[in-house]
């Protein structure tokens, strides 16, 4: 392989890593709009805030959704089921990455999950942020009406 070719390979690899980082970090991203009917927003791009405002607050928490609402983004969220059948917002199978707890979420009761701190890992400002249930998110951030209905 020549030095010129290895430079192109390095550039492609760096671009790939940057794309993976952006997707993993949960940054709000601009995506081209689909052919489906749209709302009153920009017809070319649609702002989506992945896992709430995960770049601005701990992912999949009420604080993250409040931050996403400030920028008028559509919010995506991840749902998991506790051992007692409750829907909670969590992306990973294990609670280790985003809380102060350890173990499989599906083996924990709602009561155990709600005792975990889901904010300290992100910033001391979010210490005490909890993993919300879907019901709590819907109560706190009411769903807007679909303009197509």
N, C-alpha and C. Protein backbone atom coordinates (compact mmCIF):
# COMPACT_ATOMS: atom_id res chain seq x y z
N UNK A 1 0.86 -1.17 0.00
CA UNK A 1 0.00 0.00 0.00
C UNK A 1 0.91 1.23 0.00
N UNK A 2 0.59 2.18 -0.83
CA UNK A 2 1.39 3.40 -0.92
C UNK A 2 0.99 4.36 0.19
N UNK A 3 1.84 5.35 0.42
CA UNK A 3 1.54 6.35 1.45
C UNK A 3 0.27 7.11 1.11
N UNK A 4 0.04 7.35 -0.20
CA UNK A 4 -1.16 8.08 -0.62
C UNK A 4 -2.42 7.28 -0.29
N UNK A 5 -2.40 5.97 -0.58
CA UNK A 5 -3.56 5.13 -0.28
C UNK A 5 -3.81 5.01 1.21
N UNK A 6 -2.75 4.91 2.00
CA UNK A 6 -2.95 4.78 3.45
C UNK A 6 -3.54 6.07 4.02
N UNK A 7 -3.25 7.21 3.40
CA UNK A 7 -3.86 8.47 3.84
C UNK A 7 -5.36 8.47 3.63
N UNK A 8 -5.80 7.93 2.48
CA UNK A 8 -7.24 7.84 2.21
C UNK A 8 -7.92 6.87 3.17
N UNK A 9 -7.25 5.77 3.46
CA UNK A 9 -7.81 4.79 4.39
C UNK A 9 -7.94 5.42 5.77
N UNK A 10 -6.92 6.18 6.18
CA UNK A 10 -6.98 6.85 7.48
C UNK A 10 -8.11 7.86 7.54
N UNK A 11 -8.29 8.61 6.45
CA UNK A 11 -9.37 9.59 6.40
C UNK A 11 -10.74 8.91 6.47
N UNK A 12 -10.92 7.82 5.73
CA UNK A 12 -12.18 7.07 5.79
C UNK A 12 -12.43 6.52 7.18
N UNK A 13 -11.39 5.98 7.80
CA UNK A 13 -11.54 5.43 9.14
C UNK A 13 -11.90 6.51 10.15
N UNK A 14 -11.24 7.67 10.06
CA UNK A 14 -11.55 8.78 10.96
C UNK A 14 -12.97 9.27 10.76
N UNK A 15 -13.43 9.33 9.52
CA UNK A 15 -14.80 9.74 9.23
C UNK A 15 -15.79 8.74 9.82
N UNK A 16 -15.50 7.46 9.67
CA UNK A 16 -16.35 6.42 10.24
C UNK A 16 -16.43 6.55 11.76
N UNK A 17 -15.29 6.73 12.41
CA UNK A 17 -15.27 6.88 13.87
C UNK A 17 -16.05 8.11 14.32
N UNK A 18 -15.92 9.20 13.58
CA UNK A 18 -16.67 10.42 13.93
C UNK A 18 -18.16 10.17 13.82
N UNK A 19 -18.60 9.48 12.79
CA UNK A 19 -20.02 9.16 12.63
C UNK A 19 -20.52 8.27 13.75
N UNK A 20 -19.74 7.27 14.11
CA UNK A 20 -20.12 6.39 15.22
C UNK A 20 -20.22 7.19 16.51
N UNK A 21 -19.28 8.09 16.76
CA UNK A 21 -19.31 8.90 17.98
C UNK A 21 -20.56 9.77 18.03
N UNK A 22 -20.91 10.41 16.92
CA UNK A 22 -22.09 11.27 16.89
C UNK A 22 -23.34 10.45 17.18
N UNK A 23 -23.45 9.28 16.57
CA UNK A 23 -24.63 8.44 16.79
C UNK A 23 -24.67 7.95 18.23
N UNK A 24 -23.52 7.54 18.78
CA UNK A 24 -23.48 6.99 20.13
C UNK A 24 -23.72 8.06 21.18
N UNK A 25 -23.25 9.27 20.94
CA UNK A 25 -23.32 10.31 21.96
C UNK A 25 -24.72 10.85 22.20
N UNK A 26 -25.64 10.56 21.29
CA UNK A 26 -27.01 11.03 21.49
C UNK A 26 -27.20 12.48 21.14
N UNK A 27 -26.32 13.04 20.34
CA UNK A 27 -26.48 14.43 19.95
C UNK A 27 -27.74 14.60 19.12
N UNK A 28 -28.38 15.74 19.23
CA UNK A 28 -29.51 16.04 18.37
C UNK A 28 -28.97 16.12 16.94
N UNK A 29 -29.61 15.43 16.03
CA UNK A 29 -29.11 15.38 14.66
C UNK A 29 -30.18 15.83 13.69
N UNK A 30 -29.74 16.31 12.55
CA UNK A 30 -30.65 16.70 11.49
C UNK A 30 -30.71 15.55 10.49
N UNK A 31 -31.89 15.05 10.23
CA UNK A 31 -32.07 13.96 9.30
C UNK A 31 -32.96 14.40 8.16
N UNK A 32 -32.68 13.93 6.94
CA UNK A 32 -33.58 14.27 5.83
C UNK A 32 -34.99 13.77 6.12
N UNK A 33 -35.96 14.51 5.72
CA UNK A 33 -37.36 14.16 5.94
C UNK A 33 -37.77 13.05 4.98
N UNK A 34 -38.67 12.22 5.40
CA UNK A 34 -39.18 11.14 4.55
C UNK A 34 -40.27 11.68 3.64
N UNK A 35 -40.83 10.81 2.84
CA UNK A 35 -41.89 11.19 1.92
C UNK A 35 -43.26 11.22 2.59
N UNK A 36 -43.33 10.83 3.87
CA UNK A 36 -44.60 10.83 4.59
C UNK A 36 -45.07 12.27 4.83
N UNK A 37 -46.36 12.47 5.05
CA UNK A 37 -46.84 13.82 5.35
C UNK A 37 -46.12 14.38 6.57
N UNK A 38 -45.84 15.66 6.56
CA UNK A 38 -45.07 16.27 7.65
C UNK A 38 -45.91 17.26 8.43
N UNK A 39 -45.35 17.67 9.56
CA UNK A 39 -45.99 18.70 10.37
C UNK A 39 -45.59 20.06 9.83
N UNK A 40 -45.83 21.11 10.57
CA UNK A 40 -45.60 22.47 10.13
C UNK A 40 -44.13 22.89 10.21
N UNK A 41 -43.23 21.96 10.37
CA UNK A 41 -41.82 22.33 10.51
C UNK A 41 -41.12 22.37 9.15
N UNK A 42 -39.83 22.60 9.18
CA UNK A 42 -39.02 22.68 7.97
C UNK A 42 -39.24 21.43 7.12
N UNK A 43 -39.60 21.58 5.84
CA UNK A 43 -39.89 20.42 5.00
C UNK A 43 -38.65 19.61 4.63
N UNK A 44 -37.45 20.18 4.78
CA UNK A 44 -36.24 19.47 4.36
C UNK A 44 -35.57 18.68 5.47
N UNK A 45 -35.68 19.17 6.71
CA UNK A 45 -35.02 18.51 7.81
C UNK A 45 -35.96 18.42 9.01
N UNK A 46 -35.69 17.42 9.83
CA UNK A 46 -36.51 17.17 11.00
C UNK A 46 -35.57 16.98 12.17
N UNK A 47 -35.70 17.77 13.23
CA UNK A 47 -34.81 17.69 14.38
C UNK A 47 -35.29 16.59 15.31
N UNK A 48 -34.40 15.64 15.55
CA UNK A 48 -34.71 14.51 16.44
C UNK A 48 -33.71 14.54 17.59
N UNK A 49 -34.20 14.45 18.79
CA UNK A 49 -33.34 14.41 19.95
C UNK A 49 -33.32 12.99 20.47
N UNK A 50 -32.21 12.30 20.24
CA UNK A 50 -32.09 10.87 20.55
C UNK A 50 -31.90 10.66 22.05
N UNK A 51 -32.72 9.77 22.62
CA UNK A 51 -32.71 9.47 24.06
C UNK A 51 -32.95 10.72 24.89
N UNK A 52 -33.87 11.56 24.38
CA UNK A 52 -34.10 12.85 25.01
C UNK A 52 -33.00 13.78 24.56
N UNK A 53 -32.64 14.73 25.35
CA UNK A 53 -31.50 15.60 25.04
C UNK A 53 -30.24 15.02 25.64
N UNK A 54 -29.85 13.83 25.19
CA UNK A 54 -28.77 13.08 25.83
C UNK A 54 -27.42 13.77 25.79
N UNK A 55 -27.24 14.73 24.92
CA UNK A 55 -25.99 15.49 24.91
C UNK A 55 -26.03 16.60 25.96
N UNK A 56 -27.23 16.92 26.45
CA UNK A 56 -27.40 18.04 27.37
C UNK A 56 -27.74 17.62 28.79
N UNK A 57 -28.23 16.38 28.96
CA UNK A 57 -28.65 15.87 30.27
C UNK A 57 -28.56 14.34 30.21
N UNK A 58 -28.62 13.66 31.36
CA UNK A 58 -28.52 12.20 31.34
C UNK A 58 -29.60 11.58 30.45
N UNK A 59 -29.19 10.67 29.57
CA UNK A 59 -30.10 10.10 28.58
C UNK A 59 -31.32 9.43 29.20
N UNK A 60 -32.44 9.53 28.48
CA UNK A 60 -33.70 8.88 28.87
C UNK A 60 -34.17 9.27 30.27
N UNK A 61 -33.96 10.54 30.64
CA UNK A 61 -34.47 11.04 31.93
C UNK A 61 -35.40 12.22 31.66
N UNK A 62 -36.18 12.58 32.66
CA UNK A 62 -37.07 13.74 32.52
C UNK A 62 -36.25 14.98 32.16
N UNK A 63 -35.09 15.14 32.79
CA UNK A 63 -34.24 16.30 32.50
C UNK A 63 -33.83 16.33 31.02
N UNK A 64 -33.53 15.18 30.45
CA UNK A 64 -33.14 15.11 29.03
C UNK A 64 -34.31 15.49 28.13
N UNK A 65 -35.51 15.07 28.48
CA UNK A 65 -36.68 15.40 27.67
C UNK A 65 -37.02 16.89 27.78
N UNK A 66 -36.82 17.46 28.97
CA UNK A 66 -37.05 18.90 29.12
C UNK A 66 -36.08 19.70 28.25
N UNK A 67 -34.82 19.26 28.20
CA UNK A 67 -33.84 19.95 27.36
C UNK A 67 -34.21 19.82 25.88
N UNK A 68 -34.68 18.66 25.48
CA UNK A 68 -35.07 18.47 24.07
C UNK A 68 -36.28 19.34 23.72
N UNK A 69 -37.20 19.49 24.65
CA UNK A 69 -38.37 20.33 24.39
C UNK A 69 -37.98 21.79 24.21
N UNK A 70 -36.91 22.23 24.88
CA UNK A 70 -36.45 23.61 24.75
C UNK A 70 -36.02 23.94 23.32
N UNK A 71 -35.52 22.93 22.61
CA UNK A 71 -35.09 23.15 21.22
C UNK A 71 -36.14 22.66 20.23
N UNK A 72 -37.32 22.35 20.72
CA UNK A 72 -38.45 21.91 19.89
C UNK A 72 -38.13 20.69 19.04
N UNK A 73 -37.40 19.76 19.61
CA UNK A 73 -37.07 18.54 18.89
C UNK A 73 -38.09 17.46 19.17
N UNK A 74 -38.28 16.59 18.18
CA UNK A 74 -39.03 15.36 18.44
C UNK A 74 -38.13 14.49 19.29
N UNK A 75 -38.71 13.79 20.23
CA UNK A 75 -37.93 13.05 21.21
C UNK A 75 -38.05 11.56 20.94
N UNK A 76 -36.90 10.89 20.91
CA UNK A 76 -36.92 9.44 20.85
C UNK A 76 -36.54 8.93 22.24
N UNK A 77 -37.03 7.77 22.58
CA UNK A 77 -36.73 7.19 23.88
C UNK A 77 -36.65 5.68 23.74
N UNK A 78 -36.01 5.05 24.70
CA UNK A 78 -35.86 3.60 24.73
C UNK A 78 -36.63 3.06 25.92
N UNK A 79 -37.36 1.98 25.71
CA UNK A 79 -38.15 1.38 26.78
C UNK A 79 -37.64 -0.02 27.11
N UNK A 80 -37.65 -0.33 28.39
CA UNK A 80 -37.31 -1.66 28.88
C UNK A 80 -38.36 -2.05 29.91
N UNK A 81 -38.39 -3.34 30.24
CA UNK A 81 -39.38 -3.85 31.18
C UNK A 81 -38.68 -4.37 32.43
N UNK A 82 -39.18 -3.96 33.60
CA UNK A 82 -38.64 -4.43 34.87
C UNK A 82 -39.16 -5.84 35.14
N UNK A 83 -38.63 -6.47 36.19
CA UNK A 83 -39.05 -7.84 36.52
C UNK A 83 -40.52 -7.93 36.91
N UNK A 84 -41.09 -6.81 37.37
CA UNK A 84 -42.51 -6.81 37.73
C UNK A 84 -43.39 -6.21 36.63
N UNK A 85 -42.84 -6.14 35.40
CA UNK A 85 -43.66 -5.78 34.24
C UNK A 85 -43.88 -4.30 34.00
N UNK A 86 -43.11 -3.42 34.64
CA UNK A 86 -43.28 -1.98 34.45
C UNK A 86 -42.37 -1.48 33.32
N UNK A 87 -42.90 -0.56 32.49
CA UNK A 87 -42.12 0.04 31.42
C UNK A 87 -41.33 1.22 31.96
N UNK A 88 -40.00 1.16 31.81
CA UNK A 88 -39.12 2.25 32.23
C UNK A 88 -38.25 2.65 31.05
N UNK A 89 -37.71 3.86 31.14
CA UNK A 89 -36.86 4.35 30.06
C UNK A 89 -35.42 3.95 30.32
N UNK A 90 -34.91 3.06 29.47
CA UNK A 90 -33.53 2.59 29.60
C UNK A 90 -33.13 2.01 28.26
N UNK A 91 -31.97 2.37 27.78
CA UNK A 91 -31.47 1.87 26.50
C UNK A 91 -30.78 0.52 26.67
N UNK A 92 -29.93 0.41 27.67
CA UNK A 92 -29.10 -0.78 27.85
C UNK A 92 -29.84 -1.88 28.60
N UNK A 93 -29.35 -3.11 28.43
CA UNK A 93 -29.88 -4.23 29.22
C UNK A 93 -29.43 -4.11 30.67
N UNK A 94 -28.21 -3.63 30.86
CA UNK A 94 -27.64 -3.46 32.19
C UNK A 94 -27.75 -1.99 32.60
N UNK A 95 -27.90 -1.74 33.89
CA UNK A 95 -28.01 -0.37 34.40
C UNK A 95 -26.65 0.25 34.70
N UNK A 96 -25.60 -0.49 34.53
CA UNK A 96 -24.25 -0.08 34.95
C UNK A 96 -23.76 1.20 34.28
N UNK A 97 -23.98 1.39 32.98
CA UNK A 97 -23.41 2.52 32.26
C UNK A 97 -24.05 3.85 32.64
N UNK A 98 -25.35 3.86 32.91
CA UNK A 98 -26.04 5.14 33.11
C UNK A 98 -26.60 5.34 34.52
N UNK A 99 -26.23 4.49 35.44
CA UNK A 99 -26.68 4.67 36.83
C UNK A 99 -25.56 4.28 37.79
N UNK A 100 -25.84 4.44 39.07
CA UNK A 100 -24.88 4.01 40.09
C UNK A 100 -25.11 2.56 40.50
N UNK A 101 -25.99 1.86 39.78
CA UNK A 101 -26.30 0.47 40.10
C UNK A 101 -25.56 -0.51 39.20
N UNK A 102 -25.81 -1.79 39.45
CA UNK A 102 -25.19 -2.86 38.68
C UNK A 102 -26.22 -3.95 38.43
N UNK A 103 -26.18 -4.54 37.25
CA UNK A 103 -27.02 -5.69 36.97
C UNK A 103 -27.98 -5.47 35.82
N UNK A 104 -28.69 -6.56 35.50
CA UNK A 104 -29.68 -6.55 34.44
C UNK A 104 -30.94 -5.85 34.88
N UNK A 105 -31.40 -4.91 34.10
CA UNK A 105 -32.63 -4.19 34.43
C UNK A 105 -33.82 -5.14 34.51
N UNK A 106 -33.90 -6.10 33.61
CA UNK A 106 -35.05 -7.01 33.57
C UNK A 106 -35.15 -7.91 34.80
N UNK A 107 -34.08 -7.96 35.59
CA UNK A 107 -34.10 -8.75 36.82
C UNK A 107 -34.39 -7.89 38.05
N UNK A 108 -34.62 -6.59 37.84
CA UNK A 108 -34.87 -5.66 38.94
C UNK A 108 -36.33 -5.25 38.98
N UNK A 109 -36.85 -5.04 40.17
CA UNK A 109 -38.22 -4.53 40.32
C UNK A 109 -38.23 -3.03 40.05
N UNK A 110 -39.40 -2.49 39.79
CA UNK A 110 -39.53 -1.06 39.59
C UNK A 110 -39.00 -0.31 40.81
N UNK A 111 -39.33 -0.78 41.98
CA UNK A 111 -38.87 -0.11 43.21
C UNK A 111 -37.34 -0.04 43.26
N UNK A 112 -36.67 -1.12 42.89
CA UNK A 112 -35.20 -1.13 42.88
C UNK A 112 -34.65 -0.18 41.84
N UNK A 113 -35.24 -0.18 40.66
CA UNK A 113 -34.78 0.67 39.56
C UNK A 113 -34.93 2.14 39.93
N UNK A 114 -36.03 2.49 40.57
CA UNK A 114 -36.28 3.89 40.88
C UNK A 114 -35.41 4.40 42.03
N UNK A 115 -34.69 3.54 42.70
CA UNK A 115 -33.77 3.98 43.74
C UNK A 115 -32.39 4.30 43.18
N UNK A 116 -32.15 3.98 41.89
CA UNK A 116 -30.85 4.23 41.28
C UNK A 116 -30.69 5.70 40.91
N UNK A 117 -29.46 6.18 41.00
CA UNK A 117 -29.13 7.54 40.58
C UNK A 117 -28.71 7.48 39.12
N UNK A 118 -29.50 8.10 38.26
CA UNK A 118 -29.23 8.08 36.82
C UNK A 118 -28.63 9.38 36.33
N UNK A 119 -28.19 10.25 37.22
CA UNK A 119 -27.69 11.55 36.80
C UNK A 119 -26.27 11.87 37.17
N UNK A 120 -25.77 11.33 38.27
CA UNK A 120 -24.44 11.69 38.76
C UNK A 120 -23.33 11.38 37.75
N UNK A 121 -23.46 10.31 36.99
CA UNK A 121 -22.43 9.95 36.02
C UNK A 121 -22.29 11.04 34.96
N UNK A 122 -23.38 11.76 34.68
CA UNK A 122 -23.37 12.79 33.65
C UNK A 122 -22.78 14.09 34.17
N UNK A 123 -23.23 14.50 35.35
CA UNK A 123 -22.77 15.75 35.95
C UNK A 123 -23.32 15.83 37.37
N UNK A 124 -22.57 16.45 38.29
CA UNK A 124 -23.09 16.64 39.64
C UNK A 124 -24.41 17.43 39.65
N UNK A 125 -24.63 18.25 38.63
CA UNK A 125 -25.88 19.02 38.54
C UNK A 125 -27.11 18.12 38.44
N UNK A 126 -26.92 16.88 37.99
CA UNK A 126 -28.04 15.96 37.80
C UNK A 126 -28.06 14.84 38.83
N UNK A 127 -27.31 14.98 39.90
CA UNK A 127 -27.31 13.97 40.96
C UNK A 127 -28.74 13.77 41.47
N UNK A 128 -29.14 12.53 41.60
CA UNK A 128 -30.48 12.23 42.09
C UNK A 128 -31.52 12.07 40.98
N UNK A 129 -31.15 12.32 39.73
CA UNK A 129 -32.09 12.10 38.62
C UNK A 129 -32.41 10.61 38.57
N UNK A 130 -33.66 10.28 38.41
CA UNK A 130 -34.10 8.88 38.45
C UNK A 130 -34.48 8.37 37.07
N UNK A 131 -34.56 7.05 36.95
CA UNK A 131 -35.04 6.40 35.73
C UNK A 131 -36.57 6.51 35.76
N UNK A 132 -37.15 7.21 34.80
CA UNK A 132 -38.61 7.36 34.84
C UNK A 132 -39.35 6.19 34.21
N UNK A 133 -40.60 6.05 34.60
CA UNK A 133 -41.49 5.11 33.92
C UNK A 133 -42.08 5.84 32.71
N UNK A 134 -42.64 5.07 31.80
CA UNK A 134 -43.29 5.68 30.65
C UNK A 134 -44.46 6.54 31.11
N UNK A 135 -45.18 6.10 32.10
CA UNK A 135 -46.31 6.86 32.64
C UNK A 135 -45.85 8.21 33.18
N UNK A 136 -44.73 8.24 33.89
CA UNK A 136 -44.20 9.50 34.42
C UNK A 136 -43.83 10.46 33.31
N UNK A 137 -43.22 9.95 32.26
CA UNK A 137 -42.83 10.81 31.14
C UNK A 137 -44.07 11.37 30.45
N UNK A 138 -45.06 10.52 30.24
CA UNK A 138 -46.29 11.00 29.59
C UNK A 138 -47.01 12.03 30.46
N UNK A 139 -46.97 11.85 31.76
CA UNK A 139 -47.61 12.80 32.68
C UNK A 139 -46.83 14.13 32.69
N UNK A 140 -45.52 14.04 32.69
CA UNK A 140 -44.68 15.23 32.77
C UNK A 140 -44.58 15.98 31.44
N UNK A 141 -44.53 15.23 30.36
CA UNK A 141 -44.41 15.82 29.02
C UNK A 141 -45.54 15.29 28.15
N UNK A 142 -46.70 15.89 28.23
CA UNK A 142 -47.85 15.39 27.47
C UNK A 142 -47.53 15.31 25.98
N UNK A 143 -48.04 14.25 25.37
CA UNK A 143 -47.85 14.08 23.94
C UNK A 143 -48.67 15.13 23.20
N UNK A 144 -48.09 15.65 22.13
CA UNK A 144 -48.81 16.61 21.31
C UNK A 144 -49.71 15.87 20.34
N UNK A 145 -50.73 16.53 19.88
CA UNK A 145 -51.63 15.92 18.91
C UNK A 145 -50.96 15.84 17.55
N UNK A 146 -51.18 14.76 16.85
CA UNK A 146 -50.68 14.59 15.49
C UNK A 146 -51.53 15.48 14.57
N UNK A 147 -50.91 16.41 13.84
CA UNK A 147 -51.68 17.31 13.00
C UNK A 147 -52.41 16.61 11.85
N UNK A 148 -52.07 15.36 11.58
CA UNK A 148 -52.73 14.62 10.49
C UNK A 148 -54.08 14.06 10.92
N UNK A 149 -54.34 14.05 12.24
CA UNK A 149 -55.61 13.49 12.73
C UNK A 149 -56.72 14.52 12.69
